[in-house]
PDB file of N, CA and C in Angstrom:
ATOM      1  N   MET A   1     -32.792 -33.842  22.646  1.00  0.00           N
ATOM      2  CA  MET A   1     -32.574 -34.014  24.071  1.00  0.00           C
ATOM      3  C   MET A   1     -33.773 -33.437  24.823  1.00  0.00           C
ATOM      4  N   ALA A   2     -34.258 -34.160  25.809  1.00  0.00           N
ATOM      5  CA  ALA A   2     -35.398 -33.714  26.599  1.00  0.00           C
ATOM      6  C   ALA A   2     -34.986 -32.602  27.561  1.00  0.00           C
ATOM      7  N   ASP A   3     -35.935 -31.714  27.834  1.00  0.00           N
ATOM      8  CA  ASP A   3     -35.682 -30.655  28.806  1.00  0.00           C
ATOM      9  C   ASP A   3     -35.505 -31.252  30.188  1.00  0.00           C
ATOM     10  N   LYS A   4     -34.614 -30.675  30.953  1.00  0.00           N
ATOM     11  CA  LYS A   4     -34.430 -31.097  32.333  1.00  0.00           C
ATOM     12  C   LYS A   4     -35.599 -30.570  33.156  1.00  0.00           C
ATOM     13  N   LEU A   5     -36.138 -31.383  34.056  1.00  0.00           N
ATOM     14  CA  LEU A   5     -37.324 -31.014  34.830  1.00  0.00           C
ATOM     15  C   LEU A   5     -37.012 -30.518  36.234  1.00  0.00           C
ATOM     16  N   ASN A   6     -35.863 -30.889  36.786  1.00  0.00           N
ATOM     17  CA  ASN A   6     -35.594 -30.589  38.183  1.00  0.00           C
ATOM     18  C   ASN A   6     -34.118 -30.225  38.380  1.00  0.00           C
ATOM     19  N   TYR A   7     -33.895 -29.053  38.962  1.00  0.00           N
ATOM     20  CA  TYR A   7     -32.538 -28.556  39.193  1.00  0.00           C
ATOM     21  C   TYR A   7     -32.171 -28.536  40.678  1.00  0.00           C
ATOM     22  N   VAL A   8     -32.882 -29.283  41.494  1.00  0.00           N
ATOM     23  CA  VAL A   8     -32.644 -29.229  42.938  1.00  0.00           C
ATOM     24  C   VAL A   8     -31.226 -29.663  43.296  1.00  0.00           C
ATOM     25  N   ASP A   9     -30.661 -30.621  42.577  1.00  0.00           N
ATOM     26  CA  ASP A   9     -29.309 -31.097  42.888  1.00  0.00           C
ATOM     27  C   ASP A   9     -28.210 -30.272  42.228  1.00  0.00           C
ATOM     28  N   ASP A  10     -28.590 -29.290  41.399  1.00  0.00           N
ATOM     29  CA  ASP A  10     -27.614 -28.447  40.722  1.00  0.00           C
ATOM     30  C   ASP A  10     -27.147 -27.270  41.579  1.00  0.00           C
ATOM     31  N   ASN A  11     -27.773 -27.097  42.752  1.00  0.00           N
ATOM     32  CA  ASN A  11     -27.405 -26.020  43.679  1.00  0.00           C
ATOM     33  C   ASN A  11     -27.407 -24.651  43.018  1.00  0.00           C
ATOM     34  N   ILE A  12     -28.439 -24.375  42.207  1.00  0.00           N
ATOM     35  CA  ILE A  12     -28.519 -23.065  41.558  1.00  0.00           C
ATOM     36  C   ILE A  12     -29.004 -21.986  42.518  1.00  0.00           C
ATOM     37  N   VAL A  13     -29.663 -22.403  43.596  1.00  0.00           N
ATOM     38  CA  VAL A  13     -30.159 -21.462  44.594  1.00  0.00           C
ATOM     39  C   VAL A  13     -30.078 -22.128  45.964  1.00  0.00           C
ATOM     40  N   THR A  14     -29.732 -21.346  46.972  1.00  0.00           N
ATOM     41  CA  THR A  14     -29.703 -21.860  48.340  1.00  0.00           C
ATOM     42  C   THR A  14     -30.984 -21.433  49.038  1.00  0.00           C
ATOM     43  N   PRO A  15     -31.837 -22.389  49.374  1.00  0.00           N
ATOM     44  CA  PRO A  15     -33.107 -22.013  50.011  1.00  0.00           C
ATOM     45  C   PRO A  15     -32.904 -21.475  51.423  1.00  0.00           C
ATOM     46  N   VAL A  16     -33.685 -20.456  51.749  1.00  0.00           N
ATOM     47  CA  VAL A  16     -33.758 -19.966  53.115  1.00  0.00           C
ATOM     48  C   VAL A  16     -34.880 -20.759  53.766  1.00  0.00           C
ATOM     49  N   CYS A  17     -34.565 -21.482  54.829  1.00  0.00           N
ATOM     50  CA  CYS A  17     -35.529 -22.418  55.404  1.00  0.00           C
ATOM     51  C   CYS A  17     -35.952 -22.022  56.813  1.00  0.00           C
ATOM     52  N   LYS A  18     -37.234 -22.164  57.057  1.00  0.00           N
ATOM     53  CA  LYS A  18     -37.778 -22.027  58.402  1.00  0.00           C
ATOM     54  C   LYS A  18     -38.454 -23.362  58.701  1.00  0.00           C
ATOM     55  N   VAL A  19     -37.908 -24.088  59.668  1.00  0.00           N
ATOM     56  CA  VAL A  19     -38.397 -25.430  59.975  1.00  0.00           C
ATOM     57  C   VAL A  19     -38.944 -25.457  61.392  1.00  0.00           C
ATOM     58  N   SER A  20     -40.178 -25.938  61.519  1.00  0.00           N
ATOM     59  CA  SER A  20     -40.799 -26.165  62.818  1.00  0.00           C
ATOM     60  C   SER A  20     -41.275 -27.617  62.846  1.00  0.00           C
ATOM     61  N   ASP A  21     -40.385 -28.495  63.248  1.00  0.00           N
ATOM     62  CA  ASP A  21     -40.652 -29.936  63.232  1.00  0.00           C
ATOM     63  C   ASP A  21     -40.795 -30.451  64.661  1.00  0.00           C
ATOM     64  N   SER A  22     -41.823 -29.982  65.346  1.00  0.00           N
ATOM     65  CA  SER A  22     -41.994 -30.333  66.755  1.00  0.00           C
ATOM     66  C   SER A  22     -42.309 -31.818  66.960  1.00  0.00           C
ATOM     67  N   TYR A  23     -42.745 -32.519  65.924  1.00  0.00           N
ATOM     68  CA  TYR A  23     -43.051 -33.950  66.035  1.00  0.00           C
ATOM     69  C   TYR A  23     -41.885 -34.836  65.590  1.00  0.00           C
ATOM     70  N   GLY A  24     -40.794 -34.243  65.123  1.00  0.00           N
ATOM     71  CA  GLY A  24     -39.639 -35.022  64.689  1.00  0.00           C
ATOM     72  C   GLY A  24     -39.895 -35.858  63.448  1.00  0.00           C
ATOM     73  N   LEU A  25     -40.846 -35.424  62.626  1.00  0.00           N
ATOM     74  CA  LEU A  25     -41.232 -36.177  61.436  1.00  0.00           C
ATOM     75  C   LEU A  25     -40.087 -36.291  60.433  1.00  0.00           C
ATOM     76  N   MET A  26     -39.310 -35.229  60.285  1.00  0.00           N
ATOM     77  CA  MET A  26     -38.208 -35.264  59.313  1.00  0.00           C
ATOM     78  C   MET A  26     -37.161 -36.307  59.695  1.00  0.00           C
ATOM     79  N   SER A  27     -36.788 -36.358  60.951  1.00  0.00           N
ATOM     80  CA  SER A  27     -35.796 -37.355  61.359  1.00  0.00           C
ATOM     81  C   SER A  27     -36.398 -38.756  61.374  1.00  0.00           C
ATOM     82  N   GLU A  28     -37.662 -38.885  61.749  1.00  0.00           N
ATOM     83  CA  GLU A  28     -38.310 -40.200  61.770  1.00  0.00           C
ATOM     84  C   GLU A  28     -38.363 -40.818  60.372  1.00  0.00           C
ATOM     85  N   HIS A  29     -38.607 -39.976  59.357  1.00  0.00           N
ATOM     86  CA  HIS A  29     -38.688 -40.460  57.979  1.00  0.00           C
ATOM     87  C   HIS A  29     -37.398 -40.214  57.196  1.00  0.00           C
ATOM     88  N   ASN A  30     -36.348 -39.762  57.901  1.00  0.00           N
ATOM     89  CA  ASN A  30     -35.040 -39.515  57.301  1.00  0.00           C
ATOM     90  C   ASN A  30     -35.132 -38.574  56.095  1.00  0.00           C
ATOM     91  N   LEU A  31     -35.827 -37.442  56.281  1.00  0.00           N
ATOM     92  CA  LEU A  31     -36.070 -36.484  55.209  1.00  0.00           C
ATOM     93  C   LEU A  31     -35.111 -35.302  55.296  1.00  0.00           C
ATOM     94  N   THR A  32     -34.593 -34.905  54.150  1.00  0.00           N
ATOM     95  CA  THR A  32     -33.770 -33.707  54.063  1.00  0.00           C
ATOM     96  C   THR A  32     -34.624 -32.573  53.492  1.00  0.00           C
ATOM     97  N   ILE A  33     -34.084 -31.373  53.520  1.00  0.00           N
ATOM     98  CA  ILE A  33     -34.763 -30.230  52.905  1.00  0.00           C
ATOM     99  C   ILE A  33     -34.984 -30.507  51.421  1.00  0.00           C
ATOM    100  N   ASN A  34     -33.961 -31.053  50.739  1.00  0.00           N
ATOM    101  CA  ASN A  34     -34.110 -31.353  49.316  1.00  0.00           C
ATOM    102  C   ASN A  34     -35.200 -32.390  49.059  1.00  0.00           C
ATOM    103  N   ASP A  35     -35.332 -33.372  49.949  1.00  0.00           N
ATOM    104  CA  ASP A  35     -36.421 -34.350  49.801  1.00  0.00           C
ATOM    105  C   ASP A  35     -37.776 -33.644  49.814  1.00  0.00           C
ATOM    106  N   LEU A  36     -37.951 -32.718  50.749  1.00  0.00           N
ATOM    107  CA  LEU A  36     -39.229 -32.005  50.850  1.00  0.00           C
ATOM    108  C   LEU A  36     -39.438 -31.060  49.673  1.00  0.00           C
ATOM    109  N   ILE A  37     -38.356 -30.439  49.185  1.00  0.00           N
ATOM    110  CA  ILE A  37     -38.476 -29.617  47.981  1.00  0.00           C
ATOM    111  C   ILE A  37     -38.927 -30.491  46.812  1.00  0.00           C
ATOM    112  N   ASN A  38     -38.339 -31.672  46.689  1.00  0.00           N
ATOM    113  CA  ASN A  38     -38.731 -32.586  45.614  1.00  0.00           C
ATOM    114  C   ASN A  38     -40.192 -33.000  45.728  1.00  0.00           C
ATOM    115  N   LEU A  39     -40.672 -33.217  46.937  1.00  0.00           N
ATOM    116  CA  LEU A  39     -42.079 -33.579  47.129  1.00  0.00           C
ATOM    117  C   LEU A  39     -43.015 -32.418  46.792  1.00  0.00           C
ATOM    118  N   CYS A  40     -42.451 -31.223  46.661  1.00  0.00           N
ATOM    119  CA  CYS A  40     -43.239 -30.050  46.257  1.00  0.00           C
ATOM    120  C   CYS A  40     -42.930 -29.626  44.829  1.00  0.00           C
ATOM    121  N   GLY A  41     -42.367 -30.515  44.044  1.00  0.00           N
ATOM    122  CA  GLY A  41     -42.132 -30.214  42.632  1.00  0.00           C
ATOM    123  C   GLY A  41     -40.707 -29.906  42.263  1.00  0.00           C
ATOM    124  N   GLY A  42     -39.803 -29.947  43.217  1.00  0.00           N
ATOM    125  CA  GLY A  42     -38.407 -29.697  42.918  1.00  0.00           C
ATOM    126  C   GLY A  42     -38.128 -28.240  42.580  1.00  0.00           C
ATOM    127  N   ILE A  43     -37.044 -28.014  41.886  1.00  0.00           N
ATOM    128  CA  ILE A  43     -36.673 -26.693  41.371  1.00  0.00           C
ATOM    129  C   ILE A  43     -36.802 -26.797  39.851  1.00  0.00           C
ATOM    130  N   PRO A  44     -37.929 -26.335  39.286  1.00  0.00           N
ATOM    131  CA  PRO A  44     -38.249 -26.614  37.886  1.00  0.00           C
ATOM    132  C   PRO A  44     -37.568 -25.711  36.847  1.00  0.00           C
ATOM    133  N   SER A  45     -36.732 -24.790  37.282  1.00  0.00           N
ATOM    134  CA  SER A  45     -36.085 -23.887  36.326  1.00  0.00           C
ATOM    135  C   SER A  45     -34.751 -23.418  36.876  1.00  0.00           C
ATOM    136  N   ARG A  46     -33.789 -23.278  35.974  1.00  0.00           N
ATOM    137  CA  ARG A  46     -32.502 -22.758  36.431  1.00  0.00           C
ATOM    138  C   ARG A  46     -32.525 -21.235  36.537  1.00  0.00           C
ATOM    139  N   GLU A  47     -33.647 -20.625  36.210  1.00  0.00           N
ATOM    140  CA  GLU A  47     -33.821 -19.173  36.296  1.00  0.00           C
ATOM    141  C   GLU A  47     -34.175 -18.710  37.716  1.00  0.00           C
ATOM    142  N   ILE A  48     -34.418 -19.626  38.627  1.00  0.00           N
ATOM    143  CA  ILE A  48     -34.800 -19.268  39.991  1.00  0.00           C
ATOM    144  C   ILE A  48     -33.579 -18.716  40.723  1.00  0.00           C
ATOM    145  N   THR A  49     -33.748 -17.537  41.309  1.00  0.00           N
ATOM    146  CA  THR A  49     -32.642 -16.909  42.035  1.00  0.00           C
ATOM    147  C   THR A  49     -32.946 -16.729  43.517  1.00  0.00           C
ATOM    148  N   GLU A  50     -34.218 -16.858  43.904  1.00  0.00           N
ATOM    149  CA  GLU A  50     -34.619 -16.719  45.302  1.00  0.00           C
ATOM    150  C   GLU A  50     -35.526 -17.873  45.674  1.00  0.00           C
ATOM    151  N   CYS A  51     -35.331 -18.427  46.873  1.00  0.00           N
ATOM    152  CA  CYS A  51     -36.161 -19.537  47.334  1.00  0.00           C
ATOM    153  C   CYS A  51     -36.269 -19.489  48.855  1.00  0.00           C
ATOM    154  N   ARG A  52     -37.508 -19.488  49.324  1.00  0.00           N
ATOM    155  CA  ARG A  52     -37.771 -19.519  50.769  1.00  0.00           C
ATOM    156  C   ARG A  52     -38.740 -20.670  51.030  1.00  0.00           C
ATOM    157  N   ILE A  53     -38.458 -21.449  52.066  1.00  0.00           N
ATOM    158  CA  ILE A  53     -39.274 -22.621  52.377  1.00  0.00           C
ATOM    159  C   ILE A  53     -39.678 -22.582  53.840  1.00  0.00           C
ATOM    160  N   GLU A  54     -40.952 -22.873  54.083  1.00  0.00           N
ATOM    161  CA  GLU A  54     -41.458 -23.017  55.443  1.00  0.00           C
ATOM    162  C   GLU A  54     -41.965 -24.448  55.602  1.00  0.00           C
ATOM    163  N   ILE A  55     -41.475 -25.125  56.623  1.00  0.00           N
ATOM    164  CA  ILE A  55     -41.853 -26.509  56.894  1.00  0.00           C
ATOM    165  C   ILE A  55     -42.415 -26.572  58.304  1.00  0.00           C
ATOM    166  N   ILE A  56     -43.641 -27.080  58.412  1.00  0.00           N
ATOM    167  CA  ILE A  56     -44.309 -27.178  59.714  1.00  0.00           C
ATOM    168  C   ILE A  56     -44.938 -28.560  59.831  1.00  0.00           C
ATOM    169  N   THR A  57     -44.598 -29.288  60.886  1.00  0.00           N
ATOM    170  CA  THR A  57     -45.279 -30.560  61.109  1.00  0.00           C
ATOM    171  C   THR A  57     -46.562 -30.285  61.875  1.00  0.00           C
ATOM    172  N   GLY A  58     -47.667 -30.764  61.316  1.00  0.00           N
ATOM    173  CA  GLY A  58     -48.975 -30.552  61.927  1.00  0.00           C
ATOM    174  C   GLY A  58     -49.333 -31.637  62.918  1.00  0.00           C
ATOM    175  N   THR A  59     -48.889 -32.856  62.616  1.00  0.00           N
ATOM    176  CA  THR A  59     -49.076 -34.012  63.499  1.00  0.00           C
ATOM    177  C   THR A  59     -47.846 -34.887  63.342  1.00  0.00           C
ATOM    178  N   LYS A  60     -47.874 -36.050  63.954  1.00  0.00           N
ATOM    179  CA  LYS A  60     -46.725 -36.953  63.820  1.00  0.00           C
ATOM    180  C   LYS A  60     -46.611 -37.542  62.415  1.00  0.00           C
ATOM    181  N   ASP A  61     -47.657 -37.398  61.584  1.00  0.00           N
ATOM    182  CA  ASP A  61     -47.660 -37.976  60.238  1.00  0.00           C
ATOM    183  C   ASP A  61     -47.809 -36.956  59.112  1.00  0.00           C
ATOM    184  N   ILE A  62     -48.101 -35.693  59.424  1.00  0.00           N
ATOM    185  CA  ILE A  62     -48.397 -34.711  58.388  1.00  0.00           C
ATOM    186  C   ILE A  62     -47.434 -33.528  58.469  1.00  0.00           C
ATOM    187  N   VAL A  63     -46.881 -33.179  57.296  1.00  0.00           N
ATOM    188  CA  VAL A  63     -46.014 -32.010  57.198  1.00  0.00           C
ATOM    189  C   VAL A  63     -46.634 -31.050  56.194  1.00  0.00           C
ATOM    190  N   HIS A  64     -46.591 -29.769  56.521  1.00  0.00           N
ATOM    191  CA  HIS A  64     -47.071 -28.707  55.640  1.00  0.00           C
ATOM    192  C   HIS A  64     -45.834 -27.984  55.110  1.00  0.00           C
ATOM    193  N   ILE A  65     -45.791 -27.814  53.785  1.00  0.00           N
ATOM    194  CA  ILE A  65     -44.627 -27.206  53.154  1.00  0.00           C
ATOM    195  C   ILE A  65     -45.079 -26.055  52.271  1.00  0.00           C
ATOM    196  N   LYS A  66     -44.418 -24.906  52.438  1.00  0.00           N
ATOM    197  CA  LYS A  66     -44.667 -23.735  51.591  1.00  0.00           C
ATOM    198  C   LYS A  66     -43.356 -23.381  50.916  1.00  0.00           C
ATOM    199  N   VAL A  67     -43.386 -23.279  49.586  1.00  0.00           N
ATOM    200  CA  VAL A  67     -42.208 -22.915  48.815  1.00  0.00           C
ATOM    201  C   VAL A  67     -42.518 -21.613  48.086  1.00  0.00           C
ATOM    202  N   PHE A  68     -41.697 -20.615  48.315  1.00  0.00           N
ATOM    203  CA  PHE A  68     -41.850 -19.314  47.671  1.00  0.00           C
ATOM    204  C   PHE A  68     -40.576 -19.031  46.884  1.00  0.00           C
ATOM    205  N   THR A  69     -40.697 -18.803  45.577  1.00  0.00           N
ATOM    206  CA  THR A  69     -39.546 -18.433  44.759  1.00  0.00           C
ATOM    207  C   THR A  69     -39.909 -17.181  43.966  1.00  0.00           C
ATOM    208  N   ASP A  70     -38.951 -16.694  43.213  1.00  0.00           N
ATOM    209  CA  ASP A  70     -39.227 -15.536  42.376  1.00  0.00           C
ATOM    210  C   ASP A  70     -40.003 -15.909  41.113  1.00  0.00           C
ATOM    211  N   LEU A  71     -40.252 -17.216  40.866  1.00  0.00           N
ATOM    212  CA  LEU A  71     -41.028 -17.652  39.702  1.00  0.00           C
ATOM    213  C   LEU A  71     -42.368 -18.306  40.049  1.00  0.00           C
ATOM    214  N   TYR A  72     -42.502 -18.815  41.286  1.00  0.00           N
ATOM    215  CA  TYR A  72     -43.737 -19.518  41.658  1.00  0.00           C
ATOM    216  C   TYR A  72     -43.858 -19.659  43.175  1.00  0.00           C
ATOM    217  N   GLU A  73     -45.053 -20.065  43.604  1.00  0.00           N
ATOM    218  CA  GLU A  73     -45.327 -20.434  44.993  1.00  0.00           C
ATOM    219  C   GLU A  73     -46.081 -21.760  44.987  1.00  0.00           C
ATOM    220  N   VAL A  74     -45.774 -22.620  45.941  1.00  0.00           N
ATOM    221  CA  VAL A  74     -46.465 -23.902  46.085  1.00  0.00           C
ATOM    222  C   VAL A  74     -46.705 -24.134  47.573  1.00  0.00           C
ATOM    223  N   VAL A  75     -47.918 -24.608  47.901  1.00  0.00           N
ATOM    224  CA  VAL A  75     -48.232 -25.000  49.272  1.00  0.00           C
ATOM    225  C   VAL A  75     -48.823 -26.406  49.219  1.00  0.00           C
ATOM    226  N   ARG A  76     -48.198 -27.338  49.930  1.00  0.00           N
ATOM    227  CA  ARG A  76     -48.657 -28.727  49.947  1.00  0.00           C
ATOM    228  C   ARG A  76     -48.613 -29.273  51.361  1.00  0.00           C
ATOM    229  N   SER A  77     -49.484 -30.241  51.611  1.00  0.00           N
ATOM    230  CA  SER A  77     -49.435 -31.028  52.846  1.00  0.00           C
ATOM    231  C   SER A  77     -49.188 -32.471  52.451  1.00  0.00           C
ATOM    232  N   ILE A  78     -48.325 -33.137  53.189  1.00  0.00           N
ATOM    233  CA  ILE A  78     -47.986 -34.519  52.898  1.00  0.00           C
ATOM    234  C   ILE A  78     -48.313 -35.361  54.115  1.00  0.00           C
ATOM    235  N   ASP A  79     -49.122 -36.377  53.900  1.00  0.00           N
ATOM    236  CA  ASP A  79     -49.529 -37.301  54.956  1.00  0.00           C
ATOM    237  C   ASP A  79     -48.760 -38.602  54.744  1.00  0.00           C
ATOM    238  N   PHE A  80     -47.780 -38.862  55.608  1.00  0.00           N
ATOM    239  CA  PHE A  80     -46.934 -40.038  55.456  1.00  0.00           C
ATOM    240  C   PHE A  80     -47.637 -41.315  55.896  1.00  0.00           C
ATOM    241  N   GLU A  81     -48.631 -41.219  56.757  1.00  0.00           N
ATOM    242  CA  GLU A  81     -49.362 -42.408  57.179  1.00  0.00           C
ATOM    243  C   GLU A  81     -50.175 -42.985  56.023  1.00  0.00           C
ATOM    244  N   TYR A  82     -50.848 -42.120  55.275  1.00  0.00           N
ATOM    245  CA  TYR A  82     -51.709 -42.571  54.180  1.00  0.00           C
ATOM    246  C   TYR A  82     -51.057 -42.431  52.803  1.00  0.00           C
ATOM    247  N   GLY A  83     -49.872 -41.814  52.734  1.00  0.00           N
ATOM    248  CA  GLY A  83     -49.183 -41.651  51.462  1.00  0.00           C
ATOM    249  C   GLY A  83     -49.888 -40.689  50.526  1.00  0.00           C
ATOM    250  N   LEU A  84     -50.436 -39.606  51.069  1.00  0.00           N
ATOM    251  CA  LEU A  84     -51.189 -38.632  50.285  1.00  0.00           C
ATOM    252  C   LEU A  84     -50.481 -37.281  50.248  1.00  0.00           C
ATOM    253  N   ILE A  85     -50.594 -36.613  49.102  1.00  0.00           N
ATOM    254  CA  ILE A  85     -50.122 -35.237  48.977  1.00  0.00           C
ATOM    255  C   ILE A  85     -51.312 -34.384  48.594  1.00  0.00           C
ATOM    256  N   ASP A  86     -51.567 -33.342  49.378  1.00  0.00           N
ATOM    257  CA  ASP A  86     -52.660 -32.416  49.109  1.00  0.00           C
ATOM    258  C   ASP A  86     -52.064 -31.123  48.559  1.00  0.00           C
ATOM    259  N   ASN A  87     -52.413 -30.798  47.326  1.00  0.00           N
ATOM    260  CA  ASN A  87     -51.944 -29.568  46.688  1.00  0.00           C
ATOM    261  C   ASN A  87     -52.897 -28.439  47.049  1.00  0.00           C
ATOM    262  N   HIS A  88     -52.534 -27.638  48.029  1.00  0.00           N
ATOM    263  CA  HIS A  88     -53.402 -26.553  48.480  1.00  0.00           C
ATOM    264  C   HIS A  88     -53.388 -25.362  47.530  1.00  0.00           C
ATOM    265  N   PHE A  89     -52.189 -25.049  46.996  1.00  0.00           N
ATOM    266  CA  PHE A  89     -52.066 -23.791  46.257  1.00  0.00           C
ATOM    267  C   PHE A  89     -50.851 -23.840  45.349  1.00  0.00           C
ATOM    268  N   MET A  90     -51.005 -23.299  44.132  1.00  0.00           N
ATOM    269  CA  MET A  90     -49.868 -23.107  43.233  1.00  0.00           C
ATOM    270  C   MET A  90     -50.117 -21.831  42.435  1.00  0.00           C
ATOM    271  N   LEU A  91     -49.116 -20.977  42.398  1.00  0.00           N
ATOM    272  CA  LEU A  91     -49.180 -19.757  41.615  1.00  0.00           C
ATOM    273  C   LEU A  91     -47.871 -19.633  40.846  1.00  0.00           C
ATOM    274  N   VAL A  92     -47.981 -19.592  39.515  1.00  0.00           N
ATOM    275  CA  VAL A  92     -46.813 -19.423  38.649  1.00  0.00           C
ATOM    276  C   VAL A  92     -46.871 -18.007  38.089  1.00  0.00           C
ATOM    277  N   TYR A  93     -45.790 -17.255  38.259  1.00  0.00           N
ATOM    278  CA  TYR A  93     -45.764 -15.856  37.844  1.00  0.00           C
ATOM    279  C   TYR A  93     -45.544 -15.686  36.349  1.00  0.00           C
ATOM    280  N   LYS A  94     -44.665 -16.497  35.750  1.00  0.00           N
ATOM    281  CA  LYS A  94     -44.358 -16.367  34.327  1.00  0.00           C
ATOM    282  C   LYS A  94     -45.072 -17.477  33.563  1.00  0.00           C
ATOM    283  N   LYS A  95     -46.069 -17.115  32.816  1.00  0.00           N
ATOM    284  CA  LYS A  95     -46.839 -18.088  32.039  1.00  0.00           C
ATOM    285  C   LYS A  95     -46.064 -18.492  30.785  1.00  0.00           C
ATOM    286  N   GLY A  96     -46.363 -19.683  30.279  1.00  0.00           N
ATOM    287  CA  GLY A  96     -45.801 -20.152  29.027  1.00  0.00           C
ATOM    288  C   GLY A  96     -44.403 -20.729  29.110  1.00  0.00           C
ATOM    289  N   GLU A  97     -43.856 -20.910  30.295  1.00  0.00           N
ATOM    290  CA  GLU A  97     -42.503 -21.469  30.428  1.00  0.00           C
ATOM    291  C   GLU A  97     -42.513 -22.867  31.040  1.00  0.00           C
ATOM    292  N   ASN A  98     -43.685 -23.471  31.146  1.00  0.00           N
ATOM    293  CA  ASN A  98     -43.868 -24.849  31.635  1.00  0.00           C
ATOM    294  C   ASN A  98     -43.457 -25.055  33.090  1.00  0.00           C
ATOM    295  N   ILE A  99     -43.404 -23.995  33.878  1.00  0.00           N
ATOM    296  CA  ILE A  99     -43.042 -24.119  35.291  1.00  0.00           C
ATOM    297  C   ILE A  99     -44.073 -24.989  36.021  1.00  0.00           C
ATOM    298  N   GLY A 100     -45.353 -24.694  35.851  1.00  0.00           N
ATOM    299  CA  GLY A 100     -46.412 -25.463  36.507  1.00  0.00           C
ATOM    300  C   GLY A 100     -46.407 -26.917  36.094  1.00  0.00           C
ATOM    301  N   THR A 101     -46.212 -27.173  34.817  1.00  0.00           N
ATOM    302  CA  THR A 101     -46.158 -28.553  34.319  1.00  0.00           C
ATOM    303  C   THR A 101     -44.999 -29.297  34.955  1.00  0.00           C
ATOM    304  N   ARG A 102     -43.838 -28.664  35.017  1.00  0.00           N
ATOM    305  CA  ARG A 102     -42.660 -29.309  35.623  1.00  0.00           C
ATOM    306  C   ARG A 102     -42.864 -29.569  37.108  1.00  0.00           C
ATOM    307  N   LEU A 103     -43.544 -28.633  37.796  1.00  0.00           N
ATOM    308  CA  LEU A 103     -43.809 -28.841  39.223  1.00  0.00           C
ATOM    309  C   LEU A 103     -44.654 -30.092  39.439  1.00  0.00           C
ATOM    310  N   PHE A 104     -45.624 -30.346  38.563  1.00  0.00           N
ATOM    311  CA  PHE A 104     -46.456 -31.538  38.701  1.00  0.00           C
ATOM    312  C   PHE A 104     -45.740 -32.804  38.236  1.00  0.00           C
ATOM    313  N   LEU A 105     -44.834 -32.694  37.271  1.00  0.00           N
ATOM    314  CA  LEU A 105     -44.117 -33.871  36.778  1.00  0.00           C
ATOM    315  C   LEU A 105     -43.008 -34.334  37.714  1.00  0.00           C
ATOM    316  N   ASN A 106     -42.393 -33.396  38.415  1.00  0.00           N
ATOM    317  CA  ASN A 106     -41.330 -33.768  39.358  1.00  0.00           C
ATOM    318  C   ASN A 106     -41.934 -34.525  40.521  1.00  0.00           C
ATOM    319  N   ARG A 107     -41.302 -35.585  40.887  1.00  0.00           N
ATOM    320  CA  ARG A 107     -41.706 -36.464  41.996  1.00  0.00           C
ATOM    321  C   ARG A 107     -43.078 -36.228  42.474  1.00  0.00           C
TER     322      ARG A 107
END
């Protein structure tokens, strides 16, 4: 059996969210918090017990997302006009558990 890559729908952790969507990008594109988590690699381990997310719309087409957990941090910008994701930063605290690989494989 293959390892599961994403636990976002398993509700193993409730993210603490800070959302600043002054351009209404989330409602315009019908995006949920889980959608944005998935665009940042999902929840790659069931060992995650803490999750904080910051979502900031920079323009009407670009959202900046920061995900901080007790196992990793990810910072990405997503441009919906051009369909691009810019991976600004990723830090995995526990090496050898395939967290980074799963973050890149998830959506």
